[in-house]
Amino acid sequence: MLVAMLASLGLPWQRGGIKPGFDWAWNPGYCTVTWDGYSRCTTWDLVPDVAYKAVGPIPGTQLPVRVLVVATVVLLWAGWRRAARAAAGAGLALGVGAVLIGGASVTSGRLLFVVALALLATTLHAGGLVGRRRSPGPTAGVRSGMPAGMHGASRP
């Protein structure tokens, strides 16, 4: 499961599309002829412009989320290896943060990471490393609802 989390970085974590951005455009000068027959030319200038760029799907290795994914894997591995509840819990919390930090789009990289994180959380919960610890209730050690000493007693 930890390998699947790392492998998810090679898959797209962000969709492609058209992204607006800021750019500069070169506006060349122009020439006009005045009333007396002379030509008058202006100089060129640089003007701000909005540029649209087409981008393809971006894998997780090119996004800041790669740091969180690697940190999640390290914390979960350390929590499992050393039976450290704090490291396992921090790893799961960091994993949820890694999924949420990039937005709400569903991509193959995010989906693989979420499935691996859910399976690992289930495994850690079954191993007792995450979740609440069960405390013995008031009837701990009592086999039936009958008071002590009444087992096998006959009625008068």
C-alpha atoms as a PDB file:
ATOM      1  CA  MET A   1       0.000   0.000   0.000  1.00  0.00           C
ATOM      2  CA  LEU A   2       2.865   2.354   0.724  1.00  0.00           C
ATOM      3  CA  VAL A   3       4.302   1.553  -2.701  1.00  0.00           C
ATOM      4  CA  ALA A   4       0.922   2.403  -4.270  1.00  0.00           C
ATOM      5  CA  MET A   5       1.008   5.773  -2.513  1.00  0.00           C
ATOM      6  CA  LEU A   6       4.421   6.541  -3.971  1.00  0.00           C
ATOM      7  CA  ALA A   7       3.366   5.226  -7.388  1.00  0.00           C
ATOM      8  CA  SER A   8       0.422   7.631  -7.374  1.00  0.00           C
ATOM      9  CA  LEU A   9       2.896  10.499  -7.776  1.00  0.00           C
ATOM     10  CA  GLY A  10       3.627   9.329 -11.325  1.00  0.00           C
ATOM     11  CA  LEU A  11      -0.043   9.635 -12.274  1.00  0.00           C
ATOM     12  CA  PRO A  12      -1.915  12.913 -12.901  1.00  0.00           C
ATOM     13  CA  TRP A  13      -2.862  14.855  -9.771  1.00  0.00           C
ATOM     14  CA  GLN A  14      -4.138  17.905 -11.652  1.00  0.00           C
ATOM     15  CA  ARG A  15      -6.224  18.071 -14.804  1.00  0.00           C
ATOM     16  CA  GLY A  16      -5.089  19.744 -17.976  1.00  0.00           C
ATOM     17  CA  GLY A  17      -6.845  22.674 -19.552  1.00  0.00           C
ATOM     18  CA  ILE A  18      -6.394  26.301 -20.473  1.00  0.00           C
ATOM     19  CA  LYS A  19      -4.810  28.452 -17.828  1.00  0.00           C
ATOM     20  CA  PRO A  20      -4.831  32.242 -18.011  1.00  0.00           C
ATOM     21  CA  GLY A  21      -1.685  34.080 -17.106  1.00  0.00           C
ATOM     22  CA  PHE A  22       0.037  37.423 -17.337  1.00  0.00           C
ATOM     23  CA  ASP A  23       2.445  38.205 -20.153  1.00  0.00           C
ATOM     24  CA  TRP A  24       3.939  41.130 -22.044  1.00  0.00           C
ATOM     25  CA  ALA A  25       3.158  41.918 -25.673  1.00  0.00           C
ATOM     26  CA  TRP A  26       5.365  43.958 -28.002  1.00  0.00           C
ATOM     27  CA  ASN A  27       3.394  46.644 -29.752  1.00  0.00           C
ATOM     28  CA  PRO A  28       5.361  47.871 -32.768  1.00  0.00           C
ATOM     29  CA  GLY A  29       5.255  51.493 -33.728  1.00  0.00           C
ATOM     30  CA  TYR A  30       3.229  52.759 -36.650  1.00  0.00           C
ATOM     31  CA  CYS A  31       3.772  55.498 -39.223  1.00  0.00           C
ATOM     32  CA  THR A  32       1.335  58.033 -40.615  1.00  0.00           C
ATOM     33  CA  VAL A  33       1.670  60.717 -43.227  1.00  0.00           C
ATOM     34  CA  THR A  34       0.937  64.204 -41.988  1.00  0.00           C
ATOM     35  CA  TRP A  35      -0.910  66.923 -43.954  1.00  0.00           C
ATOM     36  CA  ASP A  36       2.279  68.445 -45.226  1.00  0.00           C
ATOM     37  CA  GLY A  37       3.649  65.165 -46.692  1.00  0.00           C
ATOM     38  CA  TYR A  38       6.054  64.210 -43.942  1.00  0.00           C
ATOM     39  CA  SER A  39       5.841  60.808 -42.303  1.00  0.00           C
ATOM     40  CA  ARG A  40       5.537  60.659 -38.570  1.00  0.00           C
ATOM     41  CA  CYS A  41       6.355  57.369 -36.775  1.00  0.00           C
ATOM     42  CA  THR A  42       5.754  56.323 -33.176  1.00  0.00           C
ATOM     43  CA  THR A  43       8.079  54.156 -31.155  1.00  0.00           C
ATOM     44  CA  TRP A  44       7.394  50.609 -30.090  1.00  0.00           C
ATOM     45  CA  ASP A  45       6.219  49.854 -26.587  1.00  0.00           C
ATOM     46  CA  LEU A  46       5.663  46.933 -24.275  1.00  0.00           C
ATOM     47  CA  VAL A  47       2.099  46.466 -23.071  1.00  0.00           C
ATOM     48  CA  PRO A  48       0.673  44.071 -20.491  1.00  0.00           C
ATOM     49  CA  ASP A  49      -1.360  41.232 -21.944  1.00  0.00           C
ATOM     50  CA  VAL A  50      -3.387  38.258 -20.760  1.00  0.00           C
ATOM     51  CA  ALA A  51      -1.972  35.045 -22.171  1.00  0.00           C
ATOM     52  CA  TYR A  52      -3.755  31.712 -22.302  1.00  0.00           C
ATOM     53  CA  LYS A  53      -1.685  28.563 -22.249  1.00  0.00           C
ATOM     54  CA  ALA A  54      -2.847  25.017 -22.869  1.00  0.00           C
ATOM     55  CA  VAL A  55      -1.476  22.605 -20.282  1.00  0.00           C
ATOM     56  CA  GLY A  56      -1.776  18.842 -20.084  1.00  0.00           C
ATOM     57  CA  PRO A  57      -2.370  16.702 -17.004  1.00  0.00           C
ATOM     58  CA  ILE A  58       0.247  17.373 -14.343  1.00  0.00           C
ATOM     59  CA  PRO A  59       1.682  14.389 -12.428  1.00  0.00           C
ATOM     60  CA  GLY A  60       2.188  14.564  -8.690  1.00  0.00           C
ATOM     61  CA  THR A  61       5.973  14.649  -9.106  1.00  0.00           C
ATOM     62  CA  GLN A  62       5.683  18.195 -10.498  1.00  0.00           C
ATOM     63  CA  LEU A  63       3.421  19.536  -7.756  1.00  0.00           C
ATOM     64  CA  PRO A  64       4.124  20.558  -4.146  1.00  0.00           C
ATOM     65  CA  VAL A  65       1.964  17.654  -2.965  1.00  0.00           C
ATOM     66  CA  ARG A  66       4.930  15.324  -3.532  1.00  0.00           C
ATOM     67  CA  VAL A  67       6.452  16.482  -0.228  1.00  0.00           C
ATOM     68  CA  LEU A  68       3.275  15.642   1.674  1.00  0.00           C
ATOM     69  CA  VAL A  69       2.926  12.237   0.015  1.00  0.00           C
ATOM     70  CA  VAL A  70       6.498  11.238   0.861  1.00  0.00           C
ATOM     71  CA  ALA A  71       6.104  12.541   4.439  1.00  0.00           C
ATOM     72  CA  THR A  72       2.848  10.572   4.759  1.00  0.00           C
ATOM     73  CA  VAL A  73       4.534   7.375   3.604  1.00  0.00           C
ATOM     74  CA  VAL A  74       7.455   7.875   6.008  1.00  0.00           C
ATOM     75  CA  LEU A  75       5.172   8.569   8.991  1.00  0.00           C
ATOM     76  CA  LEU A  76       2.899   5.620   8.250  1.00  0.00           C
ATOM     77  CA  TRP A  77       5.835   3.280   7.767  1.00  0.00           C
ATOM     78  CA  ALA A  78       7.440   4.452  11.015  1.00  0.00           C
ATOM     79  CA  GLY A  79       4.118   4.175  12.860  1.00  0.00           C
ATOM     80  CA  TRP A  80       3.579   0.615  11.644  1.00  0.00           C
ATOM     81  CA  ARG A  81       7.174  -0.492  12.179  1.00  0.00           C
ATOM     82  CA  ARG A  82       7.500   0.912  15.696  1.00  0.00           C
ATOM     83  CA  ALA A  83       3.843   0.527  16.726  1.00  0.00           C
ATOM     84  CA  ALA A  84       3.699   4.268  17.364  1.00  0.00           C
ATOM     85  CA  ARG A  85       0.106   5.479  17.557  1.00  0.00           C
ATOM     86  CA  ALA A  86       1.131   9.141  17.244  1.00  0.00           C
ATOM     87  CA  ALA A  87       3.123   8.606  14.044  1.00  0.00           C
ATOM     88  CA  ALA A  88       0.365   6.509  12.476  1.00  0.00           C
ATOM     89  CA  GLY A  89      -2.294   9.102  13.330  1.00  0.00           C
ATOM     90  CA  ALA A  90      -0.135  11.961  12.083  1.00  0.00           C
ATOM     91  CA  GLY A  91       0.544  10.055   8.864  1.00  0.00           C
ATOM     92  CA  LEU A  92      -3.164   9.540   8.219  1.00  0.00           C
ATOM     93  CA  ALA A  93      -3.944  13.195   8.956  1.00  0.00           C
ATOM     94  CA  LEU A  94      -1.146  14.325   6.656  1.00  0.00           C
ATOM     95  CA  GLY A  95      -2.440  11.969   3.955  1.00  0.00           C
ATOM     96  CA  VAL A  96      -5.919  13.487   4.142  1.00  0.00           C
ATOM     97  CA  GLY A  97      -4.332  16.938   3.915  1.00  0.00           C
ATOM     98  CA  ALA A  98      -2.353  15.876   0.843  1.00  0.00           C
ATOM     99  CA  VAL A  99      -5.554  14.846  -0.901  1.00  0.00           C
ATOM    100  CA  LEU A 100      -7.387  18.057  -0.027  1.00  0.00           C
ATOM    101  CA  ILE A 101      -4.576  20.512  -0.784  1.00  0.00           C
ATOM    102  CA  GLY A 102      -4.829  20.209  -4.556  1.00  0.00           C
ATOM    103  CA  GLY A 103      -8.527  20.932  -4.941  1.00  0.00           C
ATOM    104  CA  ALA A 104     -11.551  18.790  -5.598  1.00  0.00           C
ATOM    105  CA  SER A 105     -10.789  17.313  -9.003  1.00  0.00           C
ATOM    106  CA  VAL A 106     -10.831  13.536  -9.333  1.00  0.00           C
ATOM    107  CA  THR A 107      -7.720  12.257 -11.088  1.00  0.00           C
ATOM    108  CA  SER A 108      -6.109   8.836 -11.289  1.00  0.00           C
ATOM    109  CA  GLY A 109      -3.182   9.781  -9.032  1.00  0.00           C
ATOM    110  CA  ARG A 110      -5.429  11.114  -6.299  1.00  0.00           C
ATOM    111  CA  LEU A 111      -7.782   8.165  -6.586  1.00  0.00           C
ATOM    112  CA  LEU A 112      -4.970   5.617  -6.204  1.00  0.00           C
ATOM    113  CA  PHE A 113      -3.617   7.547  -3.203  1.00  0.00           C
ATOM    114  CA  VAL A 114      -7.050   7.713  -1.529  1.00  0.00           C
ATOM    115  CA  VAL A 115      -7.709   3.992  -2.026  1.00  0.00           C
ATOM    116  CA  ALA A 116      -4.272   3.069  -0.648  1.00  0.00           C
ATOM    117  CA  LEU A 117      -4.751   5.464   2.291  1.00  0.00           C
ATOM    118  CA  ALA A 118      -8.182   3.995   3.097  1.00  0.00           C
ATOM    119  CA  LEU A 119      -6.874   0.420   2.965  1.00  0.00           C
ATOM    120  CA  LEU A 120      -3.925   1.346   5.148  1.00  0.00           C
ATOM    121  CA  ALA A 121      -6.185   3.159   7.624  1.00  0.00           C
ATOM    122  CA  THR A 122      -8.347   0.034   7.861  1.00  0.00           C
ATOM    123  CA  THR A 123      -5.266  -2.112   8.433  1.00  0.00           C
ATOM    124  CA  LEU A 124      -3.913   0.246  11.097  1.00  0.00           C
ATOM    125  CA  HIS A 125      -7.310   0.342  12.810  1.00  0.00           C
ATOM    126  CA  ALA A 126      -7.490  -3.456  12.857  1.00  0.00           C
ATOM    127  CA  GLY A 127      -3.977  -3.531  14.325  1.00  0.00           C
ATOM    128  CA  GLY A 128      -5.026  -1.097  17.060  1.00  0.00           C
ATOM    129  CA  LEU A 129      -2.735   1.731  15.991  1.00  0.00           C
ATOM    130  CA  VAL A 130      -5.482   4.235  15.150  1.00  0.00           C
ATOM    131  CA  GLY A 131      -8.944   4.782  16.552  1.00  0.00           C
ATOM    132  CA  ARG A 132     -10.212   4.679  20.076  1.00  0.00           C
ATOM    133  CA  ARG A 133      -8.949   2.168  22.547  1.00  0.00           C
ATOM    134  CA  ARG A 134     -11.715   0.140  24.050  1.00  0.00           C
ATOM    135  CA  SER A 135     -11.972   0.382  27.768  1.00  0.00           C
ATOM    136  CA  PRO A 136     -13.528  -2.413  29.746  1.00  0.00           C
ATOM    137  CA  GLY A 137     -17.119  -1.650  30.663  1.00  0.00           C
ATOM    138  CA  PRO A 138     -18.806  -2.104  34.038  1.00  0.00           C
ATOM    139  CA  THR A 139     -19.595  -5.753  33.263  1.00  0.00           C
ATOM    140  CA  ALA A 140     -16.027  -6.731  32.439  1.00  0.00           C
ATOM    141  CA  GLY A 141     -15.328 -10.273  33.550  1.00  0.00           C
ATOM    142  CA  VAL A 142     -18.994 -11.158  34.236  1.00  0.00           C
ATOM    143  CA  ARG A 143     -20.219 -14.052  32.083  1.00  0.00           C
ATOM    144  CA  SER A 144     -23.923 -13.641  32.589  1.00  0.00           C
ATOM    145  CA  GLY A 145     -26.295 -11.113  33.985  1.00  0.00           C
ATOM    146  CA  MET A 146     -26.755 -13.074  37.231  1.00  0.00           C
ATOM    147  CA  PRO A 147     -25.127 -11.811  40.405  1.00  0.00           C
ATOM    148  CA  ALA A 148     -22.057 -13.648  41.706  1.00  0.00           C
ATOM    149  CA  GLY A 149     -22.910 -16.719  43.796  1.00  0.00           C
ATOM    150  CA  MET A 150     -26.263 -17.245  42.098  1.00  0.00           C
ATOM    151  CA  HIS A 151     -24.992 -19.550  39.366  1.00  0.00           C
ATOM    152  CA  GLY A 152     -26.479 -22.974  39.805  1.00  0.00           C
ATOM    153  CA  ALA A 153     -28.426 -21.993  42.920  1.00  0.00           C
ATOM    154  CA  SER A 154     -31.852 -23.590  43.234  1.00  0.00           C
ATOM    155  CA  ARG A 155     -35.005 -21.841  44.223  1.00  0.00           C
ATOM    156  CA  PRO A 156     -36.544 -22.683  47.558  1.00  0.00           C
END
